[in-house]
Amino acid sequence: MKRREALAKLTGRERYVDDLPLEGFLWGMTVRSLAPRGPITAIRFGKDIDWSQFVVVDHRDIPDRTSWP
């Protein structure tokens, strides 16, 4: 079966999700404890970090698995 998008992907012309401009979206990062089952007690950045640009999410912001479709 011949794939229609193969040449565009091979030549770099195909656009991927990472190539799309997404303004107004939140970008996330997962911070994990260095110790197995250890709690994260603090996340520290330099004093010049503009915290108005951050959204902190924890386990309370994630719905219970029983409510997933």
PDB file of N, CA and C in Angstrom:
ATOM      1  N   MET A   1       0.848  -1.176   0.000  1.00  0.00           N
ATOM      2  CA  MET A   1       0.000   0.000   0.000  1.00  0.00           C
ATOM      3  C   MET A   1       0.894   1.239   0.000  1.00  0.00           C
ATOM      4  N   LYS A   2       0.668   2.118  -0.911  1.00  0.00           N
ATOM      5  CA  LYS A   2       1.446   3.347  -1.035  1.00  0.00           C
ATOM      6  C   LYS A   2       0.843   4.423  -0.129  1.00  0.00           C
ATOM      7  N   ARG A   3       1.700   5.071   0.633  1.00  0.00           N
ATOM      8  CA  ARG A   3       1.229   6.116   1.538  1.00  0.00           C
ATOM      9  C   ARG A   3       1.331   7.468   0.851  1.00  0.00           C
ATOM     10  N   ARG A   4       0.225   8.200   0.857  1.00  0.00           N
ATOM     11  CA  ARG A   4       0.177   9.488   0.156  1.00  0.00           C
ATOM     12  C   ARG A   4       1.107  10.525   0.763  1.00  0.00           C
ATOM     13  N   GLU A   5       1.305  10.474   2.092  1.00  0.00           N
ATOM     14  CA  GLU A   5       2.103  11.504   2.755  1.00  0.00           C
ATOM     15  C   GLU A   5       3.583  11.152   2.842  1.00  0.00           C
ATOM     16  N   ALA A   6       3.976   9.992   2.324  1.00  0.00           N
ATOM     17  CA  ALA A   6       5.359   9.521   2.482  1.00  0.00           C
ATOM     18  C   ALA A   6       6.380  10.507   1.919  1.00  0.00           C
ATOM     19  N   LEU A   7       6.188  11.004   0.704  1.00  0.00           N
ATOM     20  CA  LEU A   7       7.157  11.911   0.095  1.00  0.00           C
ATOM     21  C   LEU A   7       7.258  13.221   0.873  1.00  0.00           C
ATOM     22  N   ALA A   8       6.115  13.753   1.326  1.00  0.00           N
ATOM     23  CA  ALA A   8       6.133  15.001   2.093  1.00  0.00           C
ATOM     24  C   ALA A   8       6.880  14.817   3.414  1.00  0.00           C
ATOM     25  N   LYS A   9       6.705  13.656   4.066  1.00  0.00           N
ATOM     26  CA  LYS A   9       7.435  13.389   5.309  1.00  0.00           C
ATOM     27  C   LYS A   9       8.919  13.211   5.046  1.00  0.00           C
ATOM     28  N   LEU A  10       9.248  12.505   3.978  1.00  0.00           N
ATOM     29  CA  LEU A  10      10.641  12.237   3.645  1.00  0.00           C
ATOM     30  C   LEU A  10      11.404  13.515   3.303  1.00  0.00           C
ATOM     31  N   THR A  11      10.738  14.446   2.643  1.00  0.00           N
ATOM     32  CA  THR A  11      11.398  15.683   2.216  1.00  0.00           C
ATOM     33  C   THR A  11      11.296  16.810   3.231  1.00  0.00           C
ATOM     34  N   GLY A  12      10.549  16.588   4.329  1.00  0.00           N
ATOM     35  CA  GLY A  12      10.432  17.616   5.359  1.00  0.00           C
ATOM     36  C   GLY A  12       9.351  18.632   5.096  1.00  0.00           C
ATOM     37  N   ARG A  13       8.525  18.425   4.088  1.00  0.00           N
ATOM     38  CA  ARG A  13       7.441  19.378   3.792  1.00  0.00           C
ATOM     39  C   ARG A  13       6.203  19.131   4.650  1.00  0.00           C
ATOM     40  N   GLU A  14       6.051  17.928   5.161  1.00  0.00           N
ATOM     41  CA  GLU A  14       4.877  17.597   5.981  1.00  0.00           C
ATOM     42  C   GLU A  14       4.910  18.383   7.285  1.00  0.00           C
ATOM     43  N   ARG A  15       3.761  18.864   7.724  1.00  0.00           N
ATOM     44  CA  ARG A  15       3.673  19.591   8.992  1.00  0.00           C
ATOM     45  C   ARG A  15       3.194  18.649  10.079  1.00  0.00           C
ATOM     46  N   TYR A  16       3.853  18.714  11.203  1.00  0.00           N
ATOM     47  CA  TYR A  16       3.484  17.909  12.353  1.00  0.00           C
ATOM     48  C   TYR A  16       2.877  18.822  13.418  1.00  0.00           C
ATOM     49  N   VAL A  17       2.271  18.240  14.433  1.00  0.00           N
ATOM     50  CA  VAL A  17       1.648  19.017  15.505  1.00  0.00           C
ATOM     51  C   VAL A  17       2.669  19.964  16.132  1.00  0.00           C
ATOM     52  N   ASP A  18       3.907  19.511  16.316  1.00  0.00           N
ATOM     53  CA  ASP A  18       4.933  20.375  16.904  1.00  0.00           C
ATOM     54  C   ASP A  18       5.285  21.561  16.017  1.00  0.00           C
ATOM     55  N   ASP A  19       4.945  21.507  14.746  1.00  0.00           N
ATOM     56  CA  ASP A  19       5.240  22.599  13.813  1.00  0.00           C
ATOM     57  C   ASP A  19       4.164  23.680  13.802  1.00  0.00           C
ATOM     58  N   LEU A  20       3.003  23.397  14.388  1.00  0.00           N
ATOM     59  CA  LEU A  20       1.886  24.338  14.333  1.00  0.00           C
ATOM     60  C   LEU A  20       2.027  25.425  15.398  1.00  0.00           C
ATOM     61  N   PRO A  21       1.736  26.670  15.039  1.00  0.00           N
ATOM     62  CA  PRO A  21       1.773  27.739  16.047  1.00  0.00           C
ATOM     63  C   PRO A  21       0.549  27.629  16.956  1.00  0.00           C
ATOM     64  N   LEU A  22       0.779  27.468  18.233  1.00  0.00           N
ATOM     65  CA  LEU A  22      -0.314  27.295  19.189  1.00  0.00           C
ATOM     66  C   LEU A  22      -0.243  28.397  20.243  1.00  0.00           C
ATOM     67  N   GLU A  23      -0.835  29.523  19.945  1.00  0.00           N
ATOM     68  CA  GLU A  23      -0.812  30.632  20.892  1.00  0.00           C
ATOM     69  C   GLU A  23      -1.951  30.488  21.888  1.00  0.00           C
ATOM     70  N   GLY A  24      -1.699  30.845  23.123  1.00  0.00           N
ATOM     71  CA  GLY A  24      -2.717  30.773  24.150  1.00  0.00           C
ATOM     72  C   GLY A  24      -2.855  29.400  24.796  1.00  0.00           C
ATOM     73  N   PHE A  25      -2.023  28.448  24.403  1.00  0.00           N
ATOM     74  CA  PHE A  25      -2.071  27.113  24.983  1.00  0.00           C
ATOM     75  C   PHE A  25      -1.122  27.031  26.168  1.00  0.00           C
ATOM     76  N   LEU A  26      -1.397  26.104  27.056  1.00  0.00           N
ATOM     77  CA  LEU A  26      -0.499  25.846  28.178  1.00  0.00           C
ATOM     78  C   LEU A  26       0.474  24.743  27.792  1.00  0.00           C
ATOM     79  N   TRP A  27       1.743  24.931  28.100  1.00  0.00           N
ATOM     80  CA  TRP A  27       2.760  23.915  27.867  1.00  0.00           C
ATOM     81  C   TRP A  27       3.088  23.298  29.209  1.00  0.00           C
ATOM     82  N   GLY A  28       3.184  21.983  29.259  1.00  0.00           N
ATOM     83  CA  GLY A  28       3.367  21.304  30.535  1.00  0.00           C
ATOM     84  C   GLY A  28       4.689  20.582  30.664  1.00  0.00           C
ATOM     85  N   MET A  29       5.025  20.323  31.906  1.00  0.00           N
ATOM     86  CA  MET A  29       6.209  19.551  32.238  1.00  0.00           C
ATOM     87  C   MET A  29       5.907  18.782  33.513  1.00  0.00           C
ATOM     88  N   THR A  30       6.350  17.551  33.554  1.00  0.00           N
ATOM     89  CA  THR A  30       6.148  16.734  34.741  1.00  0.00           C
ATOM     90  C   THR A  30       7.406  16.783  35.592  1.00  0.00           C
ATOM     91  N   VAL A  31       7.238  17.050  36.866  1.00  0.00           N
ATOM     92  CA  VAL A  31       8.358  17.035  37.810  1.00  0.00           C
ATOM     93  C   VAL A  31       8.140  15.838  38.719  1.00  0.00           C
ATOM     94  N   ARG A  32       9.120  14.968  38.760  1.00  0.00           N
ATOM     95  CA  ARG A  32       9.002  13.754  39.567  1.00  0.00           C
ATOM     96  C   ARG A  32      10.034  13.767  40.693  1.00  0.00           C
ATOM     97  N   SER A  33       9.710  13.083  41.752  1.00  0.00           N
ATOM     98  CA  SER A  33      10.621  12.964  42.884  1.00  0.00           C
ATOM     99  C   SER A  33      11.815  12.104  42.492  1.00  0.00           C
ATOM    100  N   LEU A  34      12.986  12.441  43.015  1.00  0.00           N
ATOM    101  CA  LEU A  34      14.185  11.640  42.764  1.00  0.00           C
ATOM    102  C   LEU A  34      14.208  10.371  43.601  1.00  0.00           C
ATOM    103  N   ALA A  35      13.408  10.325  44.651  1.00  0.00           N
ATOM    104  CA  ALA A  35      13.347   9.158  45.536  1.00  0.00           C
ATOM    105  C   ALA A  35      12.074   8.367  45.248  1.00  0.00           C
ATOM    106  N   PRO A  36      12.182   7.036  45.132  1.00  0.00           N
ATOM    107  CA  PRO A  36      10.963   6.250  44.917  1.00  0.00           C
ATOM    108  C   PRO A  36       9.941   6.502  46.021  1.00  0.00           C
ATOM    109  N   ARG A  37       8.738   6.803  45.626  1.00  0.00           N
ATOM    110  CA  ARG A  37       7.633   7.099  46.547  1.00  0.00           C
ATOM    111  C   ARG A  37       7.915   8.306  47.448  1.00  0.00           C
ATOM    112  N   GLY A  38       8.908   9.085  47.105  1.00  0.00           N
ATOM    113  CA  GLY A  38       9.222  10.266  47.907  1.00  0.00           C
ATOM    114  C   GLY A  38       8.371  11.450  47.490  1.00  0.00           C
ATOM    115  N   PRO A  39       7.921  12.240  48.419  1.00  0.00           N
ATOM    116  CA  PRO A  39       7.104  13.401  48.083  1.00  0.00           C
ATOM    117  C   PRO A  39       7.954  14.566  47.577  1.00  0.00           C
ATOM    118  N   ILE A  40       7.387  15.364  46.692  1.00  0.00           N
ATOM    119  CA  ILE A  40       8.029  16.608  46.269  1.00  0.00           C
ATOM    120  C   ILE A  40       7.590  17.658  47.273  1.00  0.00           C
ATOM    121  N   THR A  41       8.524  18.184  48.022  1.00  0.00           N
ATOM    122  CA  THR A  41       8.174  19.146  49.076  1.00  0.00           C
ATOM    123  C   THR A  41       8.345  20.590  48.626  1.00  0.00           C
ATOM    124  N   ALA A  42       9.137  20.817  47.572  1.00  0.00           N
ATOM    125  CA  ALA A  42       9.324  22.189  47.097  1.00  0.00           C
ATOM    126  C   ALA A  42       9.907  22.175  45.690  1.00  0.00           C
ATOM    127  N   ILE A  43       9.571  23.198  44.925  1.00  0.00           N
ATOM    128  CA  ILE A  43      10.176  23.451  43.622  1.00  0.00           C
ATOM    129  C   ILE A  43      10.703  24.868  43.688  1.00  0.00           C
ATOM    130  N   ARG A  44      11.991  25.025  43.515  1.00  0.00           N
ATOM    131  CA  ARG A  44      12.619  26.343  43.689  1.00  0.00           C
ATOM    132  C   ARG A  44      13.222  26.844  42.383  1.00  0.00           C
ATOM    133  N   PHE A  45      12.958  28.104  42.078  1.00  0.00           N
ATOM    134  CA  PHE A  45      13.543  28.780  40.931  1.00  0.00           C
ATOM    135  C   PHE A  45      14.220  30.047  41.433  1.00  0.00           C
ATOM    136  N   GLY A  46      14.968  30.697  40.573  1.00  0.00           N
ATOM    137  CA  GLY A  46      15.605  31.957  40.931  1.00  0.00           C
ATOM    138  C   GLY A  46      14.577  33.024  41.286  1.00  0.00           C
ATOM    139  N   LYS A  47      15.007  34.037  41.991  1.00  0.00           N
ATOM    140  CA  LYS A  47      14.100  35.098  42.455  1.00  0.00           C
ATOM    141  C   LYS A  47      13.527  35.926  41.310  1.00  0.00           C
ATOM    142  N   ASP A  48      14.164  35.878  40.137  1.00  0.00           N
ATOM    143  CA  ASP A  48      13.695  36.705  39.028  1.00  0.00           C
ATOM    144  C   ASP A  48      12.668  35.987  38.140  1.00  0.00           C
ATOM    145  N   ILE A  49      12.172  34.828  38.554  1.00  0.00           N
ATOM    146  CA  ILE A  49      11.149  34.116  37.787  1.00  0.00           C
ATOM    147  C   ILE A  49       9.811  34.828  37.942  1.00  0.00           C
ATOM    148  N   ASP A  50       9.135  35.069  36.819  1.00  0.00           N
ATOM    149  CA  ASP A  50       7.822  35.714  36.822  1.00  0.00           C
ATOM    150  C   ASP A  50       6.751  34.632  37.000  1.00  0.00           C
ATOM    151  N   TRP A  51       6.300  34.418  38.231  1.00  0.00           N
ATOM    152  CA  TRP A  51       5.356  33.354  38.541  1.00  0.00           C
ATOM    153  C   TRP A  51       3.989  33.580  37.916  1.00  0.00           C
ATOM    154  N   SER A  52       3.704  34.759  37.391  1.00  0.00           N
ATOM    155  CA  SER A  52       2.423  34.973  36.719  1.00  0.00           C
ATOM    156  C   SER A  52       2.373  34.211  35.390  1.00  0.00           C
ATOM    157  N   GLN A  53       3.509  33.710  34.931  1.00  0.00           N
ATOM    158  CA  GLN A  53       3.578  32.944  33.689  1.00  0.00           C
ATOM    159  C   GLN A  53       3.443  31.437  33.923  1.00  0.00           C
ATOM    160  N   PHE A  54       3.235  31.002  35.167  1.00  0.00           N
ATOM    161  CA  PHE A  54       3.180  29.584  35.511  1.00  0.00           C
ATOM    162  C   PHE A  54       1.803  29.192  36.029  1.00  0.00           C
ATOM    163  N   VAL A  55       1.446  27.945  35.787  1.00  0.00           N
ATOM    164  CA  VAL A  55       0.256  27.335  36.382  1.00  0.00           C
ATOM    165  C   VAL A  55       0.741  26.061  37.047  1.00  0.00           C
ATOM    166  N   VAL A  56       0.526  25.924  38.334  1.00  0.00           N
ATOM    167  CA  VAL A  56       0.950  24.731  39.069  1.00  0.00           C
ATOM    168  C   VAL A  56      -0.250  23.811  39.199  1.00  0.00           C
ATOM    169  N   VAL A  57      -0.073  22.558  38.773  1.00  0.00           N
ATOM    170  CA  VAL A  57      -1.133  21.554  38.797  1.00  0.00           C
ATOM    171  C   VAL A  57      -0.646  20.392  39.637  1.00  0.00           C
ATOM    172  N   ASP A  58      -1.528  19.841  40.466  1.00  0.00           N
ATOM    173  CA  ASP A  58      -1.148  18.641  41.224  1.00  0.00           C
ATOM    174  C   ASP A  58      -2.235  17.583  41.082  1.00  0.00           C
ATOM    175  N   HIS A  59      -2.136  16.515  41.853  1.00  0.00           N
ATOM    176  CA  HIS A  59      -3.053  15.383  41.725  1.00  0.00           C
ATOM    177  C   HIS A  59      -4.516  15.764  41.906  1.00  0.00           C
ATOM    178  N   ARG A  60      -4.793  16.831  42.620  1.00  0.00           N
ATOM    179  CA  ARG A  60      -6.183  17.238  42.828  1.00  0.00           C
ATOM    180  C   ARG A  60      -6.819  17.815  41.571  1.00  0.00           C
ATOM    181  N   ASP A  61      -5.996  18.199  40.598  1.00  0.00           N
ATOM    182  CA  ASP A  61      -6.503  18.763  39.352  1.00  0.00           C
ATOM    183  C   ASP A  61      -6.774  17.713  38.279  1.00  0.00           C
ATOM    184  N   ILE A  62      -6.433  16.463  38.547  1.00  0.00           N
ATOM    185  CA  ILE A  62      -6.619  15.377  37.592  1.00  0.00           C
ATOM    186  C   ILE A  62      -7.830  14.562  38.023  1.00  0.00           C
ATOM    187  N   PRO A  63      -8.795  14.372  37.122  1.00  0.00           N
ATOM    188  CA  PRO A  63      -9.996  13.635  37.514  1.00  0.00           C
ATOM    189  C   PRO A  63      -9.679  12.180  37.871  1.00  0.00           C
ATOM    190  N   ASP A  64     -10.501  11.622  38.718  1.00  0.00           N
ATOM    191  CA  ASP A  64     -10.368  10.223  39.122  1.00  0.00           C
ATOM    192  C   ASP A  64     -10.518   9.324  37.888  1.00  0.00           C
ATOM    193  N   ARG A  65      -9.720   8.267  37.820  1.00  0.00           N
ATOM    194  CA  ARG A  65      -9.779   7.361  36.669  1.00  0.00           C
ATOM    195  C   ARG A  65     -11.169   6.772  36.435  1.00  0.00           C
ATOM    196  N   THR A  66     -11.959   6.637  37.473  1.00  0.00           N
ATOM    197  CA  THR A  66     -13.293   6.066  37.307  1.00  0.00           C
ATOM    198  C   THR A  66     -14.199   6.969  36.493  1.00  0.00           C
ATOM    199  N   SER A  67     -13.830   8.249  36.376  1.00  0.00           N
ATOM    200  CA  SER A  67     -14.660   9.181  35.595  1.00  0.00           C
ATOM    201  C   SER A  67     -14.193   9.281  34.151  1.00  0.00           C
ATOM    202  N   TRP A  68     -13.111   8.571  33.788  1.00  0.00           N
ATOM    203  CA  TRP A  68     -12.628   8.613  32.404  1.00  0.00           C
ATOM    204  C   TRP A  68     -13.556   7.804  31.506  1.00  0.00           C
ATOM    205  N   PRO A  69     -13.670   8.216  30.238  1.00  0.00           N
ATOM    206  CA  PRO A  69     -14.545   7.460  29.308  1.00  0.00           C
ATOM    207  C   PRO A  69     -14.015   6.064  29.059  1.00  0.00           C
TER     208      PRO A  69
END
